[in-house]
Amino acid sequence: MTIRTEIDVLDTPCEAVMKPLPSTHDEVALVMNAGTDAGFRIARSLLQAGYRVAVTGRHVTHLTRIIQGHSPARVLAIAADPTDRTQVTKLIDRVETGFERRIDLVVQA
C-alpha cells in the first residue's frame, strides 16, 4: 500500500512536516494516540485533506478538540489502550463498522 504525501520542509534544519494529499476515494484513516499535540495536527490535516478520520487515545476527553466542528460522518473518537490487543481489535471493528468500510491508513502519533 502506498501512502500519498507531500513534504513541507520548515526553516529549522531536519524538521519536516508530512501533509497528506487530498483523499480521492473518501479514505478512512485511524490516528492512534491522537490526544497528543502531534496526533491533533495529524488528525486535523487528514480531515482537511478529505479523509474520514477515527481518532483514539486512552481518554476520550483528550480527543474532543479534534472532533469539534466536524460531522460524525467525518470523524469518530474512541477511547482505547493501544497496548491492549483486545481493545485494538475492537477498535478496528468499531471504526470499520462506523464508517462502513475498511481502514486505509493507520498513523501512530
PDB file of N, CA and C in Angstrom:
ATOM      1  N   MET A   1       0.843  -1.180   0.000  1.00  0.00           N
ATOM      2  CA  MET A   1       0.000   0.000   0.000  1.00  0.00           C
ATOM      3  C   MET A   1       0.883   1.235   0.000  1.00  0.00           C
ATOM      4  N   THR A   2       0.629   2.152  -0.883  1.00  0.00           N
ATOM      5  CA  THR A   2       1.384   3.389  -0.975  1.00  0.00           C
ATOM      6  C   THR A   2       0.623   4.503  -0.286  1.00  0.00           C
ATOM      7  N   ILE A   3       1.311   5.256   0.551  1.00  0.00           N
ATOM      8  CA  ILE A   3       0.707   6.405   1.216  1.00  0.00           C
ATOM      9  C   ILE A   3       1.129   7.639   0.452  1.00  0.00           C
ATOM     10  N   ARG A   4       0.141   8.352  -0.068  1.00  0.00           N
ATOM     11  CA  ARG A   4       0.429   9.539  -0.860  1.00  0.00           C
ATOM     12  C   ARG A   4       0.612  10.737   0.064  1.00  0.00           C
ATOM     13  N   THR A   5       1.807  11.337   0.055  1.00  0.00           N
ATOM     14  CA  THR A   5       2.052  12.513   0.890  1.00  0.00           C
ATOM     15  C   THR A   5       2.905  13.513   0.140  1.00  0.00           C
ATOM     16  N   GLU A   6       2.901  14.717   0.637  1.00  0.00           N
ATOM     17  CA  GLU A   6       3.857  15.717   0.191  1.00  0.00           C
ATOM     18  C   GLU A   6       4.586  16.173   1.440  1.00  0.00           C
ATOM     19  N   ILE A   7       5.807  16.613   1.283  1.00  0.00           N
ATOM     20  CA  ILE A   7       6.603  17.010   2.439  1.00  0.00           C
ATOM     21  C   ILE A   7       6.908  18.494   2.351  1.00  0.00           C
ATOM     22  N   ASP A   8       6.610  19.207   3.426  1.00  0.00           N
ATOM     23  CA  ASP A   8       6.988  20.605   3.545  1.00  0.00           C
ATOM     24  C   ASP A   8       8.190  20.665   4.476  1.00  0.00           C
ATOM     25  N   VAL A   9       9.279  21.231   4.007  1.00  0.00           N
ATOM     26  CA  VAL A   9      10.455  21.379   4.847  1.00  0.00           C
ATOM     27  C   VAL A   9      10.378  22.753   5.496  1.00  0.00           C
ATOM     28  N   LEU A  10      10.507  22.775   6.803  1.00  0.00           N
ATOM     29  CA  LEU A  10      10.404  24.018   7.551  1.00  0.00           C
ATOM     30  C   LEU A  10      11.763  24.704   7.623  1.00  0.00           C
ATOM     31  N   ASP A  11      11.777  25.899   8.174  1.00  0.00           N
ATOM     32  CA  ASP A  11      13.011  26.680   8.264  1.00  0.00           C
ATOM     33  C   ASP A  11      14.073  26.003   9.116  1.00  0.00           C
ATOM     34  N   THR A  12      13.661  25.302  10.125  1.00  0.00           N
ATOM     35  CA  THR A  12      14.604  24.662  11.027  1.00  0.00           C
ATOM     36  C   THR A  12      15.203  23.433  10.361  1.00  0.00           C
ATOM     37  N   PRO A  13      16.515  23.253  10.404  1.00  0.00           N
ATOM     38  CA  PRO A  13      17.117  22.074   9.797  1.00  0.00           C
ATOM     39  C   PRO A  13      16.559  20.784  10.396  1.00  0.00           C
ATOM     40  N   CYS A  14      16.412  19.795   9.562  1.00  0.00           N
ATOM     41  CA  CYS A  14      15.960  18.451   9.963  1.00  0.00           C
ATOM     42  C   CYS A  14      14.534  18.410  10.481  1.00  0.00           C
ATOM     43  N   GLU A  15      13.763  19.426  10.245  1.00  0.00           N
ATOM     44  CA  GLU A  15      12.368  19.411  10.681  1.00  0.00           C
ATOM     45  C   GLU A  15      11.489  19.422   9.440  1.00  0.00           C
ATOM     46  N   ALA A  16      10.663  18.418   9.294  1.00  0.00           N
ATOM     47  CA  ALA A  16       9.774  18.323   8.136  1.00  0.00           C
ATOM     48  C   ALA A  16       8.382  17.945   8.610  1.00  0.00           C
ATOM     49  N   VAL A  17       7.400  18.391   7.866  1.00  0.00           N
ATOM     50  CA  VAL A  17       6.026  18.062   8.160  1.00  0.00           C
ATOM     51  C   VAL A  17       5.461  17.360   6.938  1.00  0.00           C
ATOM     52  N   MET A  18       4.906  16.160   7.147  1.00  0.00           N
ATOM     53  CA  MET A  18       4.292  15.448   6.035  1.00  0.00           C
ATOM     54  C   MET A  18       2.825  15.822   5.989  1.00  0.00           C
ATOM     55  N   LYS A  19       2.364  16.200   4.814  1.00  0.00           N
ATOM     56  CA  LYS A  19       0.964  16.550   4.634  1.00  0.00           C
ATOM     57  C   LYS A  19       0.338  15.526   3.690  1.00  0.00           C
ATOM     58  N   PRO A  20      -0.797  14.960   4.073  1.00  0.00           N
ATOM     59  CA  PRO A  20      -1.436  14.001   3.170  1.00  0.00           C
ATOM     60  C   PRO A  20      -1.990  14.714   1.946  1.00  0.00           C
ATOM     61  N   LEU A  21      -1.875  14.077   0.798  1.00  0.00           N
ATOM     62  CA  LEU A  21      -2.503  14.607  -0.396  1.00  0.00           C
ATOM     63  C   LEU A  21      -4.003  14.380  -0.281  1.00  0.00           C
ATOM     64  N   PRO A  22      -4.791  15.147  -1.003  1.00  0.00           N
ATOM     65  CA  PRO A  22      -6.242  15.010  -0.885  1.00  0.00           C
ATOM     66  C   PRO A  22      -6.718  13.578  -1.110  1.00  0.00           C
ATOM     67  N   SER A  23      -7.691  13.185  -0.320  1.00  0.00           N
ATOM     68  CA  SER A  23      -8.297  11.864  -0.448  1.00  0.00           C
ATOM     69  C   SER A  23      -9.087  11.827  -1.743  1.00  0.00           C
ATOM     70  N   THR A  24      -8.887  10.787  -2.524  1.00  0.00           N
ATOM     71  CA  THR A  24      -9.593  10.690  -3.789  1.00  0.00           C
ATOM     72  C   THR A  24     -10.786   9.757  -3.712  1.00  0.00           C
ATOM     73  N   HIS A  25     -10.849   8.918  -2.708  1.00  0.00           N
ATOM     74  CA  HIS A  25     -11.926   7.942  -2.610  1.00  0.00           C
ATOM     75  C   HIS A  25     -12.565   7.950  -1.226  1.00  0.00           C
ATOM     76  N   ASP A  26     -12.493   9.078  -0.531  1.00  0.00           N
ATOM     77  CA  ASP A  26     -13.076   9.178   0.803  1.00  0.00           C
ATOM     78  C   ASP A  26     -12.489   8.128   1.735  1.00  0.00           C
ATOM     79  N   GLU A  27     -11.174   8.006   1.718  1.00  0.00           N
ATOM     80  CA  GLU A  27     -10.477   7.004   2.520  1.00  0.00           C
ATOM     81  C   GLU A  27     -10.684   7.216   4.010  1.00  0.00           C
ATOM     82  N   VAL A  28     -10.463   6.136   4.758  1.00  0.00           N
ATOM     83  CA  VAL A  28     -10.593   6.149   6.211  1.00  0.00           C
ATOM     84  C   VAL A  28      -9.197   6.054   6.822  1.00  0.00           C
ATOM     85  N   ALA A  29      -8.899   6.965   7.738  1.00  0.00           N
ATOM     86  CA  ALA A  29      -7.626   6.960   8.450  1.00  0.00           C
ATOM     87  C   ALA A  29      -7.893   6.770   9.941  1.00  0.00           C
ATOM     88  N   LEU A  30      -7.018   6.028  10.588  1.00  0.00           N
ATOM     89  CA  LEU A  30      -7.066   5.825  12.035  1.00  0.00           C
ATOM     90  C   LEU A  30      -5.808   6.445  12.624  1.00  0.00           C
ATOM     91  N   VAL A  31      -5.986   7.401  13.531  1.00  0.00           N
ATOM     92  CA  VAL A  31      -4.856   8.055  14.191  1.00  0.00           C
ATOM     93  C   VAL A  31      -4.800   7.553  15.630  1.00  0.00           C
ATOM     94  N   MET A  32      -3.754   6.795  15.937  1.00  0.00           N
ATOM     95  CA  MET A  32      -3.544   6.252  17.276  1.00  0.00           C
ATOM     96  C   MET A  32      -2.835   7.310  18.131  1.00  0.00           C
ATOM     97  N   ASN A  33      -3.152   7.349  19.422  1.00  0.00           N
ATOM     98  CA  ASN A  33      -2.589   8.346  20.348  1.00  0.00           C
ATOM     99  C   ASN A  33      -2.875   9.768  19.869  1.00  0.00           C
ATOM    100  N   ALA A  34      -4.071   9.985  19.390  1.00  0.00           N
ATOM    101  CA  ALA A  34      -4.436  11.275  18.815  1.00  0.00           C
ATOM    102  C   ALA A  34      -4.600  12.371  19.858  1.00  0.00           C
ATOM    103  N   GLY A  35      -4.573  12.034  21.136  1.00  0.00           N
ATOM    104  CA  GLY A  35      -4.691  13.038  22.182  1.00  0.00           C
ATOM    105  C   GLY A  35      -3.453  13.896  22.346  1.00  0.00           C
ATOM    106  N   THR A  36      -2.365  13.530  21.711  1.00  0.00           N
ATOM    107  CA  THR A  36      -1.130  14.320  21.779  1.00  0.00           C
ATOM    108  C   THR A  36      -1.220  15.503  20.813  1.00  0.00           C
ATOM    109  N   ASP A  37      -0.331  16.462  20.957  1.00  0.00           N
ATOM    110  CA  ASP A  37      -0.312  17.602  20.036  1.00  0.00           C
ATOM    111  C   ASP A  37      -0.027  17.133  18.608  1.00  0.00           C
ATOM    112  N   ALA A  38       0.891  16.198  18.461  1.00  0.00           N
ATOM    113  CA  ALA A  38       1.202  15.662  17.126  1.00  0.00           C
ATOM    114  C   ALA A  38      -0.016  14.949  16.550  1.00  0.00           C
ATOM    115  N   GLY A  39      -0.700  14.166  17.371  1.00  0.00           N
ATOM    116  CA  GLY A  39      -1.898  13.472  16.920  1.00  0.00           C
ATOM    117  C   GLY A  39      -2.984  14.435  16.489  1.00  0.00           C
ATOM    118  N   PHE A  40      -3.145  15.520  17.237  1.00  0.00           N
ATOM    119  CA  PHE A  40      -4.116  16.555  16.886  1.00  0.00           C
ATOM    120  C   PHE A  40      -3.802  17.123  15.507  1.00  0.00           C
ATOM    121  N   ARG A  41      -2.542  17.489  15.277  1.00  0.00           N
ATOM    122  CA  ARG A  41      -2.150  18.070  13.989  1.00  0.00           C
ATOM    123  C   ARG A  41      -2.348  17.078  12.844  1.00  0.00           C
ATOM    124  N   ILE A  42      -1.986  15.825  13.070  1.00  0.00           N
ATOM    125  CA  ILE A  42      -2.141  14.807  12.037  1.00  0.00           C
ATOM    126  C   ILE A  42      -3.614  14.598  11.706  1.00  0.00           C
ATOM    127  N   ALA A  43      -4.450  14.444  12.728  1.00  0.00           N
ATOM    128  CA  ALA A  43      -5.878  14.212  12.502  1.00  0.00           C
ATOM    129  C   ALA A  43      -6.525  15.384  11.770  1.00  0.00           C
ATOM    130  N   ARG A  44      -6.228  16.598  12.186  1.00  0.00           N
ATOM    131  CA  ARG A  44      -6.815  17.773  11.533  1.00  0.00           C
ATOM    132  C   ARG A  44      -6.345  17.890  10.087  1.00  0.00           C
ATOM    133  N   SER A  45      -5.091  17.562   9.826  1.00  0.00           N
ATOM    134  CA  SER A  45      -4.562  17.598   8.473  1.00  0.00           C
ATOM    135  C   SER A  45      -5.269  16.573   7.578  1.00  0.00           C
ATOM    136  N   LEU A  46      -5.497  15.380   8.116  1.00  0.00           N
ATOM    137  CA  LEU A  46      -6.208  14.352   7.356  1.00  0.00           C
ATOM    138  C   LEU A  46      -7.650  14.765   7.089  1.00  0.00           C
ATOM    139  N   LEU A  47      -8.305  15.353   8.072  1.00  0.00           N
ATOM    140  CA  LEU A  47      -9.670  15.833   7.876  1.00  0.00           C
ATOM    141  C   LEU A  47      -9.720  16.896   6.780  1.00  0.00           C
ATOM    142  N   GLN A  48      -8.768  17.821   6.796  1.00  0.00           N
ATOM    143  CA  GLN A  48      -8.721  18.868   5.784  1.00  0.00           C
ATOM    144  C   GLN A  48      -8.453  18.296   4.395  1.00  0.00           C
ATOM    145  N   ALA A  49      -7.746  17.175   4.341  1.00  0.00           N
ATOM    146  CA  ALA A  49      -7.441  16.539   3.062  1.00  0.00           C
ATOM    147  C   ALA A  49      -8.607  15.695   2.544  1.00  0.00           C
ATOM    148  N   GLY A  50      -9.682  15.568   3.337  1.00  0.00           N
ATOM    149  CA  GLY A  50     -10.861  14.855   2.875  1.00  0.00           C
ATOM    150  C   GLY A  50     -11.027  13.447   3.405  1.00  0.00           C
ATOM    151  N   TYR A  51     -10.136  13.011   4.259  1.00  0.00           N
ATOM    152  CA  TYR A  51     -10.251  11.677   4.845  1.00  0.00           C
ATOM    153  C   TYR A  51     -11.366  11.654   5.879  1.00  0.00           C
ATOM    154  N   ARG A  52     -11.969  10.494   6.068  1.00  0.00           N
ATOM    155  CA  ARG A  52     -12.797  10.245   7.244  1.00  0.00           C
ATOM    156  C   ARG A  52     -11.818   9.727   8.283  1.00  0.00           C
ATOM    157  N   VAL A  53     -11.843  10.295   9.476  1.00  0.00           N
ATOM    158  CA  VAL A  53     -10.788  10.035  10.448  1.00  0.00           C
ATOM    159  C   VAL A  53     -11.357   9.501  11.753  1.00  0.00           C
ATOM    160  N   ALA A  54     -10.784   8.388  12.194  1.00  0.00           N
ATOM    161  CA  ALA A  54     -11.064   7.866  13.526  1.00  0.00           C
ATOM    162  C   ALA A  54      -9.861   8.205  14.382  1.00  0.00           C
ATOM    163  N   VAL A  55     -10.118   8.762  15.554  1.00  0.00           N
ATOM    164  CA  VAL A  55      -9.037   9.121  16.469  1.00  0.00           C
ATOM    165  C   VAL A  55      -9.196   8.311  17.744  1.00  0.00           C
ATOM    166  N   THR A  56      -8.079   7.924  18.313  1.00  0.00           N
ATOM    167  CA  THR A  56      -8.128   7.146  19.539  1.00  0.00           C
ATOM    168  C   THR A  56      -7.041   7.589  20.497  1.00  0.00           C
ATOM    169  N   GLY A  57      -7.337   7.410  21.752  1.00  0.00           N
ATOM    170  CA  GLY A  57      -6.410   7.702  22.830  1.00  0.00           C
ATOM    171  C   GLY A  57      -6.934   7.012  24.073  1.00  0.00           C
ATOM    172  N   ARG A  58      -6.156   7.044  25.125  1.00  0.00           N
ATOM    173  CA  ARG A  58      -6.573   6.366  26.354  1.00  0.00           C
ATOM    174  C   ARG A  58      -7.797   7.012  26.990  1.00  0.00           C
ATOM    175  N   HIS A  59      -7.959   8.323  26.795  1.00  0.00           N
ATOM    176  CA  HIS A  59      -9.086   9.048  27.381  1.00  0.00           C
ATOM    177  C   HIS A  59      -9.773   9.865  26.295  1.00  0.00           C
ATOM    178  N   VAL A  60     -11.053   9.673  26.123  1.00  0.00           N
ATOM    179  CA  VAL A  60     -11.781  10.353  25.060  1.00  0.00           C
ATOM    180  C   VAL A  60     -11.813  11.869  25.268  1.00  0.00           C
ATOM    181  N   THR A  61     -11.666  12.324  26.496  1.00  0.00           N
ATOM    182  CA  THR A  61     -11.680  13.774  26.750  1.00  0.00           C
ATOM    183  C   THR A  61     -10.524  14.477  26.038  1.00  0.00           C
ATOM    184  N   HIS A  62      -9.430  13.792  25.807  1.00  0.00           N
ATOM    185  CA  HIS A  62      -8.286  14.381  25.111  1.00  0.00           C
ATOM    186  C   HIS A  62      -8.557  14.502  23.606  1.00  0.00           C
ATOM    187  N   LEU A  63      -9.607  13.856  23.131  1.00  0.00           N
ATOM    188  CA  LEU A  63      -9.897  13.835  21.698  1.00  0.00           C
ATOM    189  C   LEU A  63     -10.939  14.859  21.283  1.00  0.00           C
ATOM    190  N   THR A  64     -11.587  15.487  22.254  1.00  0.00           N
ATOM    191  CA  THR A  64     -12.696  16.391  21.929  1.00  0.00           C
ATOM    192  C   THR A  64     -12.264  17.581  21.086  1.00  0.00           C
ATOM    193  N   ARG A  65     -11.061  18.072  21.261  1.00  0.00           N
ATOM    194  CA  ARG A  65     -10.626  19.229  20.465  1.00  0.00           C
ATOM    195  C   ARG A  65     -10.472  18.864  18.990  1.00  0.00           C
ATOM    196  N   ILE A  66     -10.294  17.592  18.690  1.00  0.00           N
ATOM    197  CA  ILE A  66     -10.177  17.165  17.296  1.00  0.00           C
ATOM    198  C   ILE A  66     -11.550  17.105  16.633  1.00  0.00           C
ATOM    199  N   ILE A  67     -12.539  16.583  17.342  1.00  0.00           N
ATOM    200  CA  ILE A  67     -13.841  16.342  16.721  1.00  0.00           C
ATOM    201  C   ILE A  67     -14.732  17.576  16.651  1.00  0.00           C
ATOM    202  N   GLN A  68     -14.407  18.618  17.413  1.00  0.00           N
ATOM    203  CA  GLN A  68     -15.233  19.828  17.418  1.00  0.00           C
ATOM    204  C   GLN A  68     -15.314  20.422  16.016  1.00  0.00           C
ATOM    205  N   GLY A  69     -16.550  20.696  15.593  1.00  0.00           N
ATOM    206  CA  GLY A  69     -16.767  21.339  14.304  1.00  0.00           C
ATOM    207  C   GLY A  69     -16.831  20.391  13.123  1.00  0.00           C
ATOM    208  N   HIS A  70     -16.762  19.096  13.376  1.00  0.00           N
ATOM    209  CA  HIS A  70     -16.808  18.120  12.288  1.00  0.00           C
ATOM    210  C   HIS A  70     -18.008  17.198  12.464  1.00  0.00           C
ATOM    211  N   SER A  71     -18.570  16.799  11.364  1.00  0.00           N
ATOM    212  CA  SER A  71     -19.714  15.896  11.355  1.00  0.00           C
ATOM    213  C   SER A  71     -19.310  14.502  11.838  1.00  0.00           C
ATOM    214  N   PRO A  72     -20.216  13.809  12.525  1.00  0.00           N
ATOM    215  CA  PRO A  72     -19.930  12.430  12.928  1.00  0.00           C
ATOM    216  C   PRO A  72     -19.685  11.511  11.723  1.00  0.00           C
ATOM    217  N   ALA A  73     -20.115  11.917  10.559  1.00  0.00           N
ATOM    218  CA  ALA A  73     -19.839  11.133   9.351  1.00  0.00           C
ATOM    219  C   ALA A  73     -18.381  11.278   8.911  1.00  0.00           C
ATOM    220  N   ARG A  74     -17.669  12.300   9.431  1.00  0.00           N
ATOM    221  CA  ARG A  74     -16.282  12.566   9.033  1.00  0.00           C
ATOM    222  C   ARG A  74     -15.261  12.164  10.092  1.00  0.00           C
ATOM    223  N   VAL A  75     -15.666  12.211  11.375  1.00  0.00           N
ATOM    224  CA  VAL A  75     -14.704  11.930  12.438  1.00  0.00           C
ATOM    225  C   VAL A  75     -15.372  11.109  13.540  1.00  0.00           C
ATOM    226  N   LEU A  76     -14.599  10.180  14.081  1.00  0.00           N
ATOM    227  CA  LEU A  76     -15.076   9.273  15.118  1.00  0.00           C
ATOM    228  C   LEU A  76     -14.003   9.200  16.198  1.00  0.00           C
ATOM    229  N   ALA A  77     -14.388   9.427  17.456  1.00  0.00           N
ATOM    230  CA  ALA A  77     -13.439   9.370  18.575  1.00  0.00           C
ATOM    231  C   ALA A  77     -13.772   8.163  19.450  1.00  0.00           C
ATOM    232  N   ILE A  78     -12.753   7.354  19.720  1.00  0.00           N
ATOM    233  CA  ILE A  78     -12.937   6.141  20.513  1.00  0.00           C
ATOM    234  C   ILE A  78     -11.786   6.030  21.512  1.00  0.00           C
ATOM    235  N   ALA A  79     -12.139   5.851  22.790  1.00  0.00           N
ATOM    236  CA  ALA A  79     -11.112   5.638  23.808  1.00  0.00           C
ATOM    237  C   ALA A  79     -10.646   4.181  23.733  1.00  0.00           C
ATOM    238  N   ALA A  80      -9.330   3.996  23.681  1.00  0.00           N
ATOM    239  CA  ALA A  80      -8.763   2.640  23.643  1.00  0.00           C
ATOM    240  C   ALA A  80      -7.299   2.697  24.043  1.00  0.00           C
ATOM    241  N   ASP A  81      -6.832   1.634  24.652  1.00  0.00           N
ATOM    242  CA  ASP A  81      -5.435   1.498  25.043  1.00  0.00           C
ATOM    243  C   ASP A  81      -4.700   0.804  23.900  1.00  0.00           C
ATOM    244  N   PRO A  82      -3.785   1.504  23.218  1.00  0.00           N
ATOM    245  CA  PRO A  82      -3.105   0.919  22.057  1.00  0.00           C
ATOM    246  C   PRO A  82      -2.171  -0.240  22.409  1.00  0.00           C
ATOM    247  N   THR A  83      -1.927  -0.464  23.699  1.00  0.00           N
ATOM    248  CA  THR A  83      -1.061  -1.588  24.096  1.00  0.00           C
ATOM    249  C   THR A  83      -1.867  -2.844  24.410  1.00  0.00           C
ATOM    250  N   ASP A  84      -3.197  -2.729  24.413  1.00  0.00           N
ATOM    251  CA  ASP A  84      -4.069  -3.857  24.711  1.00  0.00           C
ATOM    252  C   ASP A  84      -4.614  -4.424  23.405  1.00  0.00           C
ATOM    253  N   ARG A  85      -4.150  -5.605  23.032  1.00  0.00           N
ATOM    254  CA  ARG A  85      -4.515  -6.216  21.749  1.00  0.00           C
ATOM    255  C   ARG A  85      -6.030  -6.379  21.597  1.00  0.00           C
ATOM    256  N   THR A  86      -6.718  -6.759  22.660  1.00  0.00           N
ATOM    257  CA  THR A  86      -8.171  -6.942  22.607  1.00  0.00           C
ATOM    258  C   THR A  86      -8.864  -5.620  22.302  1.00  0.00           C
ATOM    259  N   GLN A  87      -8.421  -4.542  22.964  1.00  0.00           N
ATOM    260  CA  GLN A  87      -9.027  -3.236  22.718  1.00  0.00           C
ATOM    261  C   GLN A  87      -8.753  -2.759  21.298  1.00  0.00           C
ATOM    262  N   VAL A  88      -7.562  -3.017  20.793  1.00  0.00           N
ATOM    263  CA  VAL A  88      -7.223  -2.600  19.426  1.00  0.00           C
ATOM    264  C   VAL A  88      -8.073  -3.362  18.416  1.00  0.00           C
ATOM    265  N   THR A  89      -8.282  -4.645  18.631  1.00  0.00           N
ATOM    266  CA  THR A  89      -9.131  -5.435  17.744  1.00  0.00           C
ATOM    267  C   THR A  89     -10.548  -4.880  17.722  1.00  0.00           C
ATOM    268  N   LYS A  90     -11.091  -4.578  18.899  1.00  0.00           N
ATOM    269  CA  LYS A  90     -12.431  -3.995  18.988  1.00  0.00           C
ATOM    270  C   LYS A  90     -12.471  -2.601  18.350  1.00  0.00           C
ATOM    271  N   LEU A  91     -11.409  -1.836  18.535  1.00  0.00           N
ATOM    272  CA  LEU A  91     -11.308  -0.502  17.943  1.00  0.00           C
ATOM    273  C   LEU A  91     -11.410  -0.580  16.420  1.00  0.00           C
ATOM    274  N   ILE A  92     -10.639  -1.455  15.828  1.00  0.00           N
ATOM    275  CA  ILE A  92     -10.644  -1.594  14.370  1.00  0.00           C
ATOM    276  C   ILE A  92     -12.036  -1.983  13.883  1.00  0.00           C
ATOM    277  N   ASP A  93     -12.672  -2.904  14.577  1.00  0.00           N
ATOM    278  CA  ASP A  93     -14.018  -3.331  14.210  1.00  0.00           C
ATOM    279  C   ASP A  93     -15.004  -2.166  14.299  1.00  0.00           C
ATOM    280  N   ARG A  94     -14.918  -1.374  15.369  1.00  0.00           N
ATOM    281  CA  ARG A  94     -15.822  -0.225  15.541  1.00  0.00           C
ATOM    282  C   ARG A  94     -15.617   0.829  14.465  1.00  0.00           C
ATOM    283  N   VAL A  95     -14.359   1.070  14.099  1.00  0.00           N
ATOM    284  CA  VAL A  95     -14.067   2.066  13.059  1.00  0.00           C
ATOM    285  C   VAL A  95     -14.626   1.596  11.719  1.00  0.00           C
ATOM    286  N   GLU A  96     -14.355   0.343  11.361  1.00  0.00           N
ATOM    287  CA  GLU A  96     -14.816  -0.169  10.072  1.00  0.00           C
ATOM    288  C   GLU A  96     -16.339  -0.266  10.022  1.00  0.00           C
ATOM    289  N   THR A  97     -16.965  -0.585  11.134  1.00  0.00           N
ATOM    290  CA  THR A  97     -18.433  -0.618  11.194  1.00  0.00           C
ATOM    291  C   THR A  97     -18.995   0.807  11.136  1.00  0.00           C
ATOM    292  N   GLY A  98     -18.388   1.723  11.878  1.00  0.00           N
ATOM    293  CA  GLY A  98     -18.864   3.106  11.923  1.00  0.00           C
ATOM    294  C   GLY A  98     -18.774   3.822  10.592  1.00  0.00           C
ATOM    295  N   PHE A  99     -17.700   3.580   9.844  1.00  0.00           N
ATOM    296  CA  PHE A  99     -17.520   4.232   8.547  1.00  0.00           C
ATOM    297  C   PHE A  99     -17.962   3.346   7.385  1.00  0.00           C
ATOM    298  N   GLU A 100     -18.385   2.127   7.696  1.00  0.00           N
ATOM    299  CA  GLU A 100     -18.874   1.170   6.702  1.00  0.00           C
ATOM    300  C   GLU A 100     -17.878   0.897   5.584  1.00  0.00           C
ATOM    301  N   ARG A 101     -16.617   0.823   5.948  1.00  0.00           N
ATOM    302  CA  ARG A 101     -15.560   0.441   5.008  1.00  0.00           C
ATOM    303  C   ARG A 101     -14.281   0.168   5.780  1.00  0.00           C
ATOM    304  N   ARG A 102     -13.321  -0.450   5.135  1.00  0.00           N
ATOM    305  CA  ARG A 102     -12.068  -0.808   5.789  1.00  0.00           C
ATOM    306  C   ARG A 102     -11.208   0.434   6.024  1.00  0.00           C
ATOM    307  N   ILE A 103     -10.251   0.288   6.906  1.00  0.00           N
ATOM    308  CA  ILE A 103      -9.305   1.370   7.204  1.00  0.00           C
ATOM    309  C   ILE A 103      -8.216   1.361   6.136  1.00  0.00           C
ATOM    310  N   ASP A 104      -7.952   2.542   5.567  1.00  0.00           N
ATOM    311  CA  ASP A 104      -6.950   2.661   4.519  1.00  0.00           C
ATOM    312  C   ASP A 104      -5.584   3.079   5.039  1.00  0.00           C
ATOM    313  N   LEU A 105      -5.553   3.748   6.178  1.00  0.00           N
ATOM    314  CA  LEU A 105      -4.310   4.328   6.679  1.00  0.00           C
ATOM    315  C   LEU A 105      -4.338   4.322   8.206  1.00  0.00           C
ATOM    316  N   VAL A 106      -3.263   3.857   8.814  1.00  0.00           N
ATOM    317  CA  VAL A 106      -3.114   3.922  10.262  1.00  0.00           C
ATOM    318  C   VAL A 106      -1.871   4.745  10.569  1.00  0.00           C
ATOM    319  N   VAL A 107      -2.037   5.724  11.453  1.00  0.00           N
ATOM    320  CA  VAL A 107      -0.923   6.595  11.839  1.00  0.00           C
ATOM    321  C   VAL A 107      -0.744   6.516  13.338  1.00  0.00           C
ATOM    322  N   GLN A 108       0.475   6.289  13.783  1.00  0.00           N
ATOM    323  CA  GLN A 108       0.818   6.290  15.201  1.00  0.00           C
ATOM    324  C   GLN A 108       1.423   7.649  15.525  1.00  0.00           C
ATOM    325  N   ALA A 109       0.722   8.462  16.329  1.00  0.00           N
ATOM    326  CA  ALA A 109       1.222   9.796  16.661  1.00  0.00           C
ATOM    327  C   ALA A 109       2.179   9.737  17.823  1.00  0.00           C
TER     328      ALA A 109
END
